[in-house]
Amino acid sequence: MCVPAEHEEPAAGRPAEIGSVTLRKVTLRLIPFLFLLYIVAWLDRVNVGFAALQMNSDLRFSSAAFGFGSGVFFLGYCLFEVPSNLVLHRVGARRWISRIMISWGAISVAMLFVRTTHTFYVLRFLLGAAEAGFFPGVVYYLSHWYPDGQRARAIAAFMTAVPVSGLIGGPLSGALLTLNGLFGVAGWQWLFLMEGVPAILLGVIVLIYLTDRPETADWLSSAEKDWLVSRLAAERSSRHGALPIGIFAALMNPTIWQLGIIFLFAAIGFYGYSFWAPLVVKSLTGSSDVNVGIILGAISAATIILMALNSAHSDRTDERPWHVAVPLLVMAAGFFGCPLLSEPKLAVLSLALIPIGHCAGYGPFWSMPSRFLAGAPAAAGIALVVTIANVGGFIGPTIIGAMKDRFGTDGPAFMLLGGCAIVA
């Protein structure tokens, strides 16, 4: 659709038209850029899974060591999640997201110097600490730009970056691994270097491009700013009991803890998949590193479609819980099917159900906290949900690594992770 010139004033007295034009401008301005940032964030978080195709043998890492190192990222992430989001609320998204991206990009590049398990553990922990606050910060940031009825789709559009990072990052990471030996640098080192530098560059661009709040958006007309500010203010005032809740009360809110625990069990499985999928696909198919990336890219393409459809239906029906629960059951089916199916092609198809199920519930799930919290309590509450959930990011990869060393196969770990998805 054509976007009107930014200086044009929408016709007065037609709030529906003003609202439509305003939200279209907001979406075109924010979502593609935030989407790009999250692609880079996700690549730097999980590219260690592709690096493992070469790094584990080069550095003689056991499955347990790799699993622990992959998961320890989330210990740093969890420790700094809530404080980071509270700082973002105080200083603004523009400055704080810029800081987050530049620091995590630098640490991601430093991963190319890993030589021992201890260095691996330390840098993964620091990477998590540096990235802490990015995702909940963006979710909180979007609550300042989208009314309730459009928020799930906006969050889903932003979070589609997770499967898109697989669509792009899978083939890209596989290709970077083919640079093995160029200028005496290993393929996995090229991967960390080439996927870390963009975060630093984008961190600088964030300072120039992002706008903290609608009130200061010079790319919206006066009528559009007035409509958006008044609409969001009316929604906040209509949430009985939302504004009086303080930060501590928000952190103790039972619903916040329920949401966090639900996503904790889901994240145990999903992050186990995210870090181990390249190794699992390679063992099932015997494919080259490049073809492993292509297979995972195809899985990500299917995930994108189902994610968009589920979030759009959730917004249309204004229903959230079932639009989260059903996808998580699909995820559980994927975990159970992958080790039980003897035909490799069917096992890979079953494996695909894991990200499809998990990611399809993103938009409906993350639109829920801001329905009953606002302001600093919302920032703290969203960050706490992410913190609780990301404990699963440590548990999942660690479980797979330890159980694979013990049993010699992924099967028992996948059955356990499938059970976690059912509990979620």
Protein backbone atom coordinates (compact mmCIF):
# COMPACT_ATOMS: atom_id res chain seq x y z
CA MET A 1 0.00 0.00 0.00
CA CYS A 2 1.10 3.54 -0.65
CA VAL A 3 2.31 5.46 2.40
CA PRO A 4 1.39 9.15 2.43
CA ALA A 5 4.08 11.76 2.60
CA GLU A 6 5.12 12.43 6.15
CA HIS A 7 4.10 16.09 6.08
CA GLU A 8 0.53 15.30 5.06
CA GLU A 9 -2.17 15.64 7.71
CA PRO A 10 -4.83 12.92 7.59
CA ALA A 11 -8.37 14.23 7.30
CA ALA A 12 -9.71 15.34 10.63
CA GLY A 13 -12.75 13.66 12.06
CA ARG A 14 -11.96 10.22 10.67
CA PRO A 15 -10.16 8.44 13.51
CA ALA A 16 -10.32 5.03 11.82
CA GLU A 17 -8.48 6.40 8.80
CA ILE A 18 -5.99 8.30 10.96
CA GLY A 19 -5.36 5.16 12.99
CA SER A 20 -4.81 3.02 9.91
CA VAL A 21 -2.36 5.48 8.37
CA THR A 22 -0.53 5.97 11.67
CA LEU A 23 -0.05 2.28 12.41
CA ARG A 24 1.07 1.65 8.83
CA LYS A 25 3.73 4.33 9.22
CA VAL A 26 4.81 2.94 12.59
CA THR A 27 5.07 -0.55 11.15
CA LEU A 28 7.07 0.51 8.10
CA ARG A 29 9.37 2.61 10.23
CA LEU A 30 10.04 0.23 13.14
CA ILE A 31 9.34 -3.41 12.34
CA PRO A 32 11.77 -3.98 9.41
CA PHE A 33 14.61 -2.37 11.37
CA LEU A 34 13.89 -4.19 14.65
CA PHE A 35 13.44 -7.35 12.61
CA LEU A 36 16.95 -6.94 11.20
CA LEU A 37 18.40 -6.34 14.67
CA TYR A 38 16.82 -9.52 16.01
CA ILE A 39 18.10 -11.58 13.08
CA VAL A 40 21.63 -10.49 13.98
CA ALA A 41 20.98 -11.09 17.69
CA TRP A 42 19.68 -14.59 17.08
CA LEU A 43 22.54 -15.49 14.74
CA ASP A 44 25.12 -14.41 17.32
CA ARG A 45 23.27 -16.36 20.01
CA VAL A 46 22.94 -19.72 18.25
CA ASN A 47 25.67 -19.74 15.58
CA VAL A 48 27.73 -21.78 18.02
CA GLY A 49 25.59 -24.73 16.90
CA PHE A 50 26.98 -24.46 13.38
CA ALA A 51 30.47 -23.67 14.68
CA ALA A 52 30.30 -26.98 16.56
CA LEU A 53 30.38 -28.87 13.23
CA GLN A 54 34.09 -28.00 13.11
CA MET A 55 34.97 -26.42 16.47
CA ASN A 56 34.18 -29.46 18.63
CA SER A 57 36.63 -31.65 16.76
CA ASP A 58 39.27 -28.91 16.37
CA LEU A 59 39.26 -28.09 20.09
CA ARG A 60 38.32 -31.61 21.26
CA PHE A 61 35.17 -30.51 23.08
CA SER A 62 32.98 -33.30 24.45
CA SER A 63 29.20 -33.19 23.97
CA ALA A 64 28.81 -32.27 27.65
CA ALA A 65 31.33 -29.41 27.36
CA PHE A 66 29.67 -28.03 24.25
CA GLY A 67 26.20 -28.33 25.78
CA PHE A 68 27.24 -26.53 28.96
CA GLY A 69 29.04 -23.80 27.04
CA SER A 70 26.05 -23.27 24.79
CA GLY A 71 23.70 -23.01 27.76
CA VAL A 72 25.89 -20.88 30.06
CA PHE A 73 25.04 -17.95 27.77
CA PHE A 74 21.68 -17.87 29.53
CA LEU A 75 23.12 -17.60 33.02
CA GLY A 76 24.65 -14.24 32.08
CA TYR A 77 21.47 -13.33 30.24
CA CYS A 78 19.23 -14.11 33.20
CA LEU A 79 21.34 -12.31 35.79
CA PHE A 80 21.19 -8.99 33.92
CA GLU A 81 17.77 -9.25 32.24
CA VAL A 82 15.59 -7.31 34.70
CA PRO A 83 18.20 -4.63 35.57
CA SER A 84 18.85 -4.06 31.87
CA ASN A 85 15.18 -3.52 31.07
CA LEU A 86 14.78 -1.09 33.96
CA VAL A 87 17.75 0.90 32.66
CA LEU A 88 16.13 0.92 29.21
CA HIS A 89 12.94 2.32 30.74
CA ARG A 90 14.97 5.09 32.36
CA VAL A 91 17.39 6.09 29.58
CA GLY A 92 15.32 5.16 26.51
CA ALA A 93 15.41 2.34 23.98
CA ARG A 94 17.62 4.16 21.48
CA ARG A 95 20.68 4.54 23.69
CA TRP A 96 20.33 1.26 25.57
CA ILE A 97 19.69 -1.00 22.57
CA SER A 98 22.69 0.62 20.88
CA ARG A 99 24.88 -0.22 23.89
CA ILE A 100 23.58 -3.79 23.96
CA MET A 101 24.33 -4.41 20.29
CA ILE A 102 27.82 -2.93 20.23
CA SER A 103 28.93 -4.88 23.31
CA TRP A 104 27.48 -8.22 22.21
CA GLY A 105 28.95 -7.79 18.71
CA ALA A 106 32.42 -7.25 20.15
CA ILE A 107 32.15 -10.32 22.37
CA SER A 108 30.80 -12.44 19.52
CA VAL A 109 33.83 -11.53 17.42
CA ALA A 110 36.08 -12.44 20.38
CA MET A 111 34.71 -16.00 20.20
CA LEU A 112 37.16 -16.66 17.37
CA PHE A 113 39.95 -16.68 20.00
CA VAL A 114 38.48 -19.61 21.95
CA ARG A 115 41.03 -22.35 22.56
CA THR A 116 39.93 -24.02 25.80
CA THR A 117 36.63 -24.96 27.42
CA HIS A 118 37.16 -22.34 30.13
CA THR A 119 37.57 -19.55 27.58
CA PHE A 120 34.50 -20.88 25.78
CA TYR A 121 32.45 -20.80 28.98
CA VAL A 122 33.58 -17.29 29.97
CA LEU A 123 32.90 -15.72 26.56
CA ARG A 124 29.50 -17.39 26.25
CA PHE A 125 28.56 -16.09 29.72
CA LEU A 126 29.72 -12.57 28.80
CA LEU A 127 27.81 -12.73 25.51
CA GLY A 128 24.64 -13.50 27.46
CA ALA A 129 25.27 -10.66 29.90
CA ALA A 130 25.87 -8.23 27.01
CA GLU A 131 22.72 -9.25 25.13
CA ALA A 132 20.53 -9.23 28.26
CA GLY A 133 17.61 -6.87 27.90
CA PHE A 134 17.49 -6.77 24.11
CA PHE A 135 14.45 -8.97 23.52
CA PRO A 136 12.30 -7.85 26.49
CA GLY A 137 13.40 -4.30 25.80
CA VAL A 138 12.03 -4.46 22.25
CA VAL A 139 8.78 -6.10 23.43
CA TYR A 140 8.39 -3.32 26.01
CA TYR A 141 9.34 -0.71 23.38
CA LEU A 142 6.61 -1.97 21.02
CA SER A 143 4.02 -1.51 23.78
CA HIS A 144 4.67 2.24 23.41
CA TRP A 145 3.77 2.12 19.72
CA TYR A 146 0.96 -0.43 19.25
CA PRO A 147 -2.51 -0.66 20.82
CA ASP A 148 -3.55 -4.02 22.29
CA GLY A 149 -5.47 -5.16 19.21
CA GLN A 150 -2.45 -4.88 16.91
CA ARG A 151 0.33 -5.85 19.33
CA ALA A 152 0.42 -9.64 18.82
CA ARG A 153 0.91 -9.23 15.08
CA ALA A 154 3.59 -6.57 15.62
CA ILE A 155 5.46 -8.78 18.09
CA ALA A 156 5.08 -11.78 15.80
CA ALA A 157 6.41 -9.74 12.85
CA PHE A 158 9.44 -8.77 14.95
CA MET A 159 9.93 -12.32 16.24
CA THR A 160 9.64 -13.82 12.78
CA ALA A 161 13.31 -12.88 12.77
CA VAL A 162 13.96 -16.10 14.73
CA PRO A 163 12.96 -18.45 11.89
CA VAL A 164 14.21 -15.98 9.26
CA SER A 165 17.61 -16.07 10.94
CA GLY A 166 17.49 -19.81 10.35
CA LEU A 167 16.41 -19.30 6.75
CA ILE A 168 19.33 -16.92 6.15
CA GLY A 169 21.75 -18.03 8.83
CA GLY A 170 21.63 -21.74 8.07
CA PRO A 171 22.95 -21.49 4.50
CA LEU A 172 25.18 -18.52 5.44
CA SER A 173 26.79 -20.34 8.36
CA GLY A 174 27.28 -23.46 6.25
CA ALA A 175 28.95 -21.35 3.55
CA LEU A 176 31.22 -19.57 6.05
CA LEU A 177 32.42 -22.93 7.34
CA THR A 178 33.73 -23.66 3.82
CA LEU A 179 36.27 -20.85 4.33
CA ASN A 180 38.13 -23.26 6.64
CA GLY A 181 41.88 -22.65 6.30
CA LEU A 182 41.61 -19.33 4.40
CA PHE A 183 44.50 -17.11 5.64
CA GLY A 184 45.16 -19.76 8.26
CA VAL A 185 41.80 -19.14 9.96
CA ALA A 186 39.39 -21.98 10.71
CA GLY A 187 35.88 -21.96 9.22
CA TRP A 188 34.24 -21.68 12.64
CA GLN A 189 36.42 -18.64 13.39
CA TRP A 190 35.31 -16.97 10.15
CA LEU A 191 31.73 -17.65 11.20
CA PHE A 192 32.10 -15.81 14.53
CA LEU A 193 33.92 -12.90 12.89
CA MET A 194 31.57 -12.35 9.95
CA GLU A 195 28.39 -12.73 12.01
CA GLY A 196 29.61 -10.55 14.90
CA VAL A 197 30.69 -7.41 13.03
CA PRO A 198 27.16 -6.50 11.78
CA ALA A 199 25.94 -6.15 15.38
CA ILE A 200 28.56 -3.49 16.05
CA LEU A 201 27.68 -1.53 12.91
CA LEU A 202 23.93 -1.74 13.53
CA GLY A 203 24.44 -0.63 17.12
CA VAL A 204 25.79 2.67 15.82
CA ILE A 205 22.86 3.03 13.39
CA VAL A 206 20.36 2.49 16.23
CA LEU A 207 21.49 5.79 17.79
CA ILE A 208 20.54 7.63 14.62
CA TYR A 209 17.42 5.77 13.53
CA LEU A 210 15.28 4.77 16.53
CA THR A 211 12.76 7.11 18.19
CA ASP A 212 12.04 6.49 21.87
CA ARG A 213 8.34 7.47 21.99
CA PRO A 214 5.53 8.61 19.68
CA GLU A 215 5.57 12.10 21.24
CA THR A 216 9.01 12.76 19.71
CA ALA A 217 8.47 11.06 16.32
CA ASP A 218 9.15 13.73 13.70
CA TRP A 219 8.18 11.19 11.02
CA LEU A 220 4.54 11.28 12.21
CA SER A 221 2.26 14.25 11.61
CA SER A 222 0.75 16.12 14.56
CA ALA A 223 -2.65 14.47 14.03
CA GLU A 224 -1.07 11.03 13.86
CA LYS A 225 0.95 11.59 17.03
CA ASP A 226 -2.13 12.88 18.85
CA TRP A 227 -4.17 9.85 17.79
CA LEU A 228 -1.53 7.32 18.83
CA VAL A 229 -0.66 8.97 22.14
CA SER A 230 -4.31 9.38 23.13
CA ARG A 231 -5.21 5.83 22.07
CA LEU A 232 -2.40 4.29 24.11
CA ALA A 233 -3.15 6.55 27.09
CA ALA A 234 -6.82 5.53 27.01
CA GLU A 235 -5.86 1.84 27.02
CA ARG A 236 -3.49 2.30 29.94
CA SER A 237 -6.10 4.16 31.99
CA SER A 238 -8.70 1.46 31.27
CA ARG A 239 -6.56 -1.29 32.78
CA HIS A 240 -7.95 -1.30 36.26
CA GLY A 241 -5.17 -1.69 38.74
CA ALA A 242 -2.42 -1.63 36.11
CA LEU A 243 -0.88 1.75 36.76
CA PRO A 244 -0.87 1.61 40.58
CA ILE A 245 1.21 -1.59 40.51
CA GLY A 246 4.80 -0.85 41.48
CA ILE A 247 7.90 -2.58 40.17
CA PHE A 248 8.20 -4.91 43.16
CA ALA A 249 4.52 -5.84 42.98
CA ALA A 250 4.88 -6.56 39.27
CA LEU A 251 7.82 -8.86 39.99
CA MET A 252 5.71 -10.70 42.57
CA ASN A 253 2.63 -10.86 40.33
CA PRO A 254 1.45 -14.52 40.14
CA THR A 255 0.45 -14.18 36.49
CA ILE A 256 3.95 -13.02 35.56
CA TRP A 257 5.41 -16.08 37.28
CA GLN A 258 2.87 -18.37 35.59
CA LEU A 259 3.81 -16.98 32.18
CA GLY A 260 7.50 -17.33 33.01
CA ILE A 261 7.15 -20.96 34.10
CA ILE A 262 5.10 -21.84 31.00
CA PHE A 263 7.78 -20.43 28.76
CA LEU A 264 10.55 -21.96 30.89
CA PHE A 265 9.39 -25.47 29.97
CA ALA A 266 8.94 -24.46 26.34
CA ALA A 267 12.39 -22.86 26.20
CA ILE A 268 14.09 -25.97 27.61
CA GLY A 269 13.09 -27.80 24.46
CA PHE A 270 13.49 -25.01 21.95
CA TYR A 271 17.00 -23.99 22.94
CA GLY A 272 18.01 -27.62 23.08
CA TYR A 273 16.86 -27.81 19.46
CA SER A 274 18.45 -24.48 18.47
CA PHE A 275 21.97 -25.39 19.56
CA TRP A 276 21.93 -29.06 18.61
CA ALA A 277 19.86 -29.04 15.38
CA PRO A 278 22.86 -28.79 13.00
CA LEU A 279 24.53 -31.79 14.64
CA VAL A 280 21.26 -33.75 14.74
CA VAL A 281 20.49 -33.09 11.05
CA LYS A 282 24.03 -34.03 10.07
CA SER A 283 23.80 -37.31 11.99
CA LEU A 284 20.39 -38.13 10.46
CA THR A 285 21.22 -37.29 6.85
CA GLY A 286 25.01 -37.42 6.56
CA SER A 287 24.80 -34.13 4.64
CA SER A 288 27.63 -31.65 4.09
CA ASP A 289 27.82 -28.52 6.29
CA VAL A 290 26.29 -26.46 3.46
CA ASN A 291 23.39 -28.86 2.97
CA VAL A 292 22.72 -28.98 6.71
CA GLY A 293 22.29 -25.19 6.53
CA ILE A 294 19.91 -25.51 3.56
CA ILE A 295 17.77 -28.12 5.35
CA LEU A 296 17.49 -25.96 8.45
CA GLY A 297 16.73 -22.96 6.25
CA ALA A 298 13.80 -24.83 4.70
CA ILE A 299 12.48 -25.68 8.18
CA SER A 300 12.69 -21.99 9.06
CA ALA A 301 10.69 -21.03 5.96
CA ALA A 302 7.80 -23.26 7.04
CA THR A 303 8.06 -21.84 10.56
CA ILE A 304 7.64 -18.27 9.29
CA ILE A 305 4.36 -19.07 7.55
CA LEU A 306 2.79 -20.88 10.51
CA MET A 307 3.98 -18.19 12.93
CA ALA A 308 2.28 -15.42 10.93
CA LEU A 309 -0.97 -17.36 10.49
CA ASN A 310 -1.34 -18.25 14.17
CA SER A 311 -0.64 -14.71 15.38
CA ALA A 312 -3.06 -13.15 12.89
CA HIS A 313 -5.80 -15.58 13.96
CA SER A 314 -5.09 -14.81 17.62
CA ASP A 315 -5.54 -11.09 17.02
CA ARG A 316 -8.73 -11.60 14.98
CA THR A 317 -10.32 -13.76 17.67
CA ASP A 318 -8.76 -11.84 20.58
CA GLU A 319 -7.81 -15.21 22.10
CA ARG A 320 -4.35 -15.97 23.50
CA PRO A 321 -4.06 -19.14 25.69
CA TRP A 322 -5.18 -21.71 23.09
CA HIS A 323 -3.04 -20.03 20.44
CA VAL A 324 -0.08 -20.79 22.69
CA ALA A 325 -1.09 -24.24 24.05
CA VAL A 326 -1.83 -25.94 20.70
CA PRO A 327 1.52 -24.95 19.11
CA LEU A 328 3.38 -26.24 22.18
CA LEU A 329 1.67 -29.63 21.75
CA VAL A 330 2.86 -29.63 18.13
CA MET A 331 6.36 -28.95 19.44
CA ALA A 332 6.07 -31.93 21.82
CA ALA A 333 5.01 -34.19 18.94
CA GLY A 334 8.18 -33.18 17.09
CA PHE A 335 10.39 -34.16 20.01
CA PHE A 336 8.74 -37.55 20.37
CA GLY A 337 8.63 -38.30 16.65
CA CYS A 338 12.26 -37.49 15.80
CA PRO A 339 13.88 -40.34 17.80
CA LEU A 340 11.01 -42.81 17.25
CA LEU A 341 10.90 -42.59 13.45
CA SER A 342 13.53 -44.79 11.82
CA GLU A 343 13.26 -43.22 8.35
CA PRO A 344 15.67 -40.21 8.30
CA LYS A 345 13.40 -38.05 6.10
CA LEU A 346 10.46 -38.57 8.46
CA ALA A 347 12.69 -37.89 11.46
CA VAL A 348 13.78 -34.56 9.91
CA LEU A 349 10.14 -33.67 9.20
CA SER A 350 9.31 -34.43 12.81
CA LEU A 351 12.27 -32.31 13.91
CA ALA A 352 10.74 -29.43 11.92
CA LEU A 353 7.66 -29.48 14.17
CA ILE A 354 9.79 -28.28 17.10
CA PRO A 355 10.52 -24.72 15.85
CA ILE A 356 7.17 -24.54 14.04
CA GLY A 357 5.27 -25.23 17.26
CA HIS A 358 7.42 -23.10 19.52
CA CYS A 359 7.62 -20.03 17.30
CA ALA A 360 3.92 -20.09 16.34
CA GLY A 361 3.02 -19.24 19.92
CA TYR A 362 5.38 -16.23 20.19
CA GLY A 363 3.04 -13.41 19.15
CA PRO A 364 0.03 -14.43 21.31
CA PHE A 365 2.26 -15.22 24.30
CA TRP A 366 4.29 -12.01 24.37
CA SER A 367 1.25 -9.79 23.89
CA MET A 368 -0.16 -10.91 27.26
CA PRO A 369 2.06 -9.19 29.89
CA SER A 370 1.36 -5.66 28.59
CA ARG A 371 -2.39 -6.30 28.88
CA PHE A 372 -2.25 -5.87 32.66
CA LEU A 373 1.00 -3.98 33.29
CA ALA A 374 2.23 -0.58 32.10
CA GLY A 375 5.29 1.66 32.45
CA ALA A 376 8.26 0.53 34.56
CA PRO A 377 6.28 -2.40 36.05
CA ALA A 378 5.66 -3.64 32.48
CA ALA A 379 9.38 -3.36 31.70
CA ALA A 380 10.24 -5.30 34.84
CA GLY A 381 7.46 -7.86 34.37
CA ILE A 382 8.33 -8.65 30.75
CA ALA A 383 12.01 -8.94 31.68
CA LEU A 384 11.18 -11.31 34.53
CA VAL A 385 9.17 -13.57 32.20
CA VAL A 386 12.16 -13.68 29.84
CA THR A 387 14.54 -14.31 32.74
CA ILE A 388 12.54 -17.26 34.04
CA ALA A 389 12.10 -18.67 30.54
CA ASN A 390 15.76 -18.35 29.67
CA VAL A 391 16.77 -20.58 32.54
CA GLY A 392 15.47 -23.18 30.10
CA GLY A 393 18.06 -21.95 27.62
CA PHE A 394 20.73 -23.21 30.02
CA ILE A 395 18.96 -26.45 30.94
CA GLY A 396 18.01 -27.64 27.42
CA PRO A 397 21.42 -27.69 25.68
CA THR A 398 23.11 -28.95 28.86
CA ILE A 399 20.67 -31.87 29.19
CA ILE A 400 21.21 -32.95 25.58
CA GLY A 401 25.00 -32.78 25.91
CA ALA A 402 25.10 -34.73 29.18
CA MET A 403 22.59 -37.37 28.07
CA LYS A 404 24.26 -37.80 24.69
CA ASP A 405 27.58 -38.50 26.40
CA ARG A 406 25.84 -40.98 28.71
CA PHE A 407 23.60 -42.83 26.23
CA GLY A 408 25.42 -42.19 22.94
CA THR A 409 22.25 -40.88 21.27
CA ASP A 410 19.90 -37.88 21.30
CA GLY A 411 16.78 -40.04 21.78
CA PRO A 412 16.41 -40.06 25.59
CA ALA A 413 17.03 -36.30 25.79
CA PHE A 414 14.46 -35.61 23.07
CA MET A 415 11.84 -37.67 24.89
CA LEU A 416 12.51 -35.68 28.07
CA LEU A 417 12.28 -32.36 26.21
CA GLY A 418 9.03 -33.48 24.61
CA GLY A 419 7.65 -34.03 28.11
CA CYS A 420 8.67 -30.48 29.04
CA ALA A 421 6.73 -29.12 26.05
CA ILE A 422 3.62 -31.00 27.16
CA VAL A 423 3.94 -29.59 30.69
CA ALA A 424 4.24 -26.08 29.20
